[in-house]
């Protein structure tokens, strides 16, 4: 997949234990101002995390894949 240029900070969850990732993602999202965002970085398919966040903050963010493969990057921008 082609790399997309962005200037948002990475939020790397790869070193975080899988049981802690949801909580850490929600905490990071809550600290994000509307109109701003971050790039979620994980080492497994991020769709379960994105769905989980959507269940809690439906309609409050947009997400788009930046990179797919061994490392996944998803741009998350708060509305």
C-alpha atoms as a PDB file:
ATOM      1  CA  UNK A   1       0.000   0.000   0.000  1.00  0.00           C
ATOM      2  CA  UNK A   2       1.220   3.467  -0.829  1.00  0.00           C
ATOM      3  CA  UNK A   3       2.377   5.577   2.093  1.00  0.00           C
ATOM      4  CA  UNK A   4       0.191   8.620   2.679  1.00  0.00           C
ATOM      5  CA  UNK A   5       1.834  11.794   3.883  1.00  0.00           C
ATOM      6  CA  UNK A   6       0.515  13.135   7.161  1.00  0.00           C
ATOM      7  CA  UNK A   7       1.798  15.298   9.962  1.00  0.00           C
ATOM      8  CA  UNK A   8      -0.073  13.694  12.839  1.00  0.00           C
ATOM      9  CA  UNK A   9       1.761  11.975  15.703  1.00  0.00           C
ATOM     10  CA  UNK A  10       1.968   8.195  15.898  1.00  0.00           C
ATOM     11  CA  UNK A  11       0.222   6.450  18.779  1.00  0.00           C
ATOM     12  CA  UNK A  12       2.088   3.144  18.899  1.00  0.00           C
ATOM     13  CA  UNK A  13       0.263   0.351  20.701  1.00  0.00           C
ATOM     14  CA  UNK A  14       2.641  -2.422  19.607  1.00  0.00           C
ATOM     15  CA  UNK A  15       4.525  -2.546  22.935  1.00  0.00           C
ATOM     16  CA  UNK A  16       1.260  -2.456  24.928  1.00  0.00           C
ATOM     17  CA  UNK A  17      -0.242  -5.733  26.145  1.00  0.00           C
ATOM     18  CA  UNK A  18      -3.344  -6.599  24.066  1.00  0.00           C
ATOM     19  CA  UNK A  19      -5.597  -6.454  27.154  1.00  0.00           C
ATOM     20  CA  UNK A  20      -4.590  -2.826  27.711  1.00  0.00           C
ATOM     21  CA  UNK A  21      -4.918  -1.569  24.140  1.00  0.00           C
ATOM     22  CA  UNK A  22      -8.598  -0.639  24.232  1.00  0.00           C
ATOM     23  CA  UNK A  23      -8.264   1.391  27.395  1.00  0.00           C
ATOM     24  CA  UNK A  24      -5.145   3.170  26.104  1.00  0.00           C
ATOM     25  CA  UNK A  25      -6.811   3.927  22.767  1.00  0.00           C
ATOM     26  CA  UNK A  26      -9.837   5.466  24.477  1.00  0.00           C
ATOM     27  CA  UNK A  27      -7.605   7.527  26.776  1.00  0.00           C
ATOM     28  CA  UNK A  28      -5.633   8.830  23.792  1.00  0.00           C
ATOM     29  CA  UNK A  29      -8.812   9.630  21.887  1.00  0.00           C
ATOM     30  CA  UNK A  30     -10.249  11.529  24.851  1.00  0.00           C
ATOM     31  CA  UNK A  31      -7.108  13.725  24.932  1.00  0.00           C
ATOM     32  CA  UNK A  32      -7.469  14.565  21.231  1.00  0.00           C
ATOM     33  CA  UNK A  33      -9.044  17.920  20.421  1.00  0.00           C
ATOM     34  CA  UNK A  34     -11.770  18.114  17.759  1.00  0.00           C
ATOM     35  CA  UNK A  35     -10.241  18.544  14.321  1.00  0.00           C
ATOM     36  CA  UNK A  36      -7.005  16.915  15.453  1.00  0.00           C
ATOM     37  CA  UNK A  37      -5.918  13.317  15.279  1.00  0.00           C
ATOM     38  CA  UNK A  38      -3.218  10.702  15.506  1.00  0.00           C
ATOM     39  CA  UNK A  39      -2.002   7.637  13.669  1.00  0.00           C
ATOM     40  CA  UNK A  40      -2.785   4.397  15.466  1.00  0.00           C
ATOM     41  CA  UNK A  41       0.078   1.903  15.008  1.00  0.00           C
ATOM     42  CA  UNK A  42      -0.546  -1.779  15.760  1.00  0.00           C
ATOM     43  CA  UNK A  43       0.895  -5.159  14.847  1.00  0.00           C
ATOM     44  CA  UNK A  44      -2.453  -6.888  14.264  1.00  0.00           C
ATOM     45  CA  UNK A  45      -5.483  -6.027  12.177  1.00  0.00           C
ATOM     46  CA  UNK A  46      -6.903  -2.850  13.756  1.00  0.00           C
ATOM     47  CA  UNK A  47     -10.545  -3.349  12.810  1.00  0.00           C
ATOM     48  CA  UNK A  48     -11.586  -4.819  16.200  1.00  0.00           C
ATOM     49  CA  UNK A  49     -10.076  -1.783  17.971  1.00  0.00           C
ATOM     50  CA  UNK A  50     -11.753   0.629  15.541  1.00  0.00           C
ATOM     51  CA  UNK A  51     -15.133  -1.078  15.969  1.00  0.00           C
ATOM     52  CA  UNK A  52     -14.743  -1.018  19.746  1.00  0.00           C
ATOM     53  CA  UNK A  53     -13.938   2.709  19.682  1.00  0.00           C
ATOM     54  CA  UNK A  54     -16.877   3.323  17.355  1.00  0.00           C
ATOM     55  CA  UNK A  55     -19.252   1.615  19.786  1.00  0.00           C
ATOM     56  CA  UNK A  56     -18.166   4.052  22.497  1.00  0.00           C
ATOM     57  CA  UNK A  57     -17.700   7.219  20.422  1.00  0.00           C
ATOM     58  CA  UNK A  58     -20.004   6.668  17.440  1.00  0.00           C
ATOM     59  CA  UNK A  59     -19.839   9.499  14.932  1.00  0.00           C
ATOM     60  CA  UNK A  60     -17.058  11.293  16.785  1.00  0.00           C
ATOM     61  CA  UNK A  61     -14.157  10.314  14.507  1.00  0.00           C
ATOM     62  CA  UNK A  62     -13.060   9.387  11.005  1.00  0.00           C
ATOM     63  CA  UNK A  63     -10.558   6.658  10.313  1.00  0.00           C
ATOM     64  CA  UNK A  64      -8.574   5.687   7.246  1.00  0.00           C
ATOM     65  CA  UNK A  65      -5.870   3.128   6.633  1.00  0.00           C
ATOM     66  CA  UNK A  66      -2.426   4.574   6.021  1.00  0.00           C
ATOM     67  CA  UNK A  67      -0.466   1.306   5.941  1.00  0.00           C
ATOM     68  CA  UNK A  68      -1.424  -2.364   5.907  1.00  0.00           C
ATOM     69  CA  UNK A  69       0.782  -5.364   6.494  1.00  0.00           C
ATOM     70  CA  UNK A  70       2.960  -6.515   9.365  1.00  0.00           C
ATOM     71  CA  UNK A  71       2.515  -3.062  10.824  1.00  0.00           C
ATOM     72  CA  UNK A  72      -0.855  -1.382  10.503  1.00  0.00           C
ATOM     73  CA  UNK A  73      -1.335   2.380  10.620  1.00  0.00           C
ATOM     74  CA  UNK A  74      -4.745   4.002  10.826  1.00  0.00           C
ATOM     75  CA  UNK A  75      -5.259   7.739  10.763  1.00  0.00           C
ATOM     76  CA  UNK A  76      -7.873   8.695  13.361  1.00  0.00           C
ATOM     77  CA  UNK A  77      -9.204  12.234  13.294  1.00  0.00           C
ATOM     78  CA  UNK A  78     -11.656  13.493  15.904  1.00  0.00           C
ATOM     79  CA  UNK A  79     -14.664  15.385  14.553  1.00  0.00           C
END
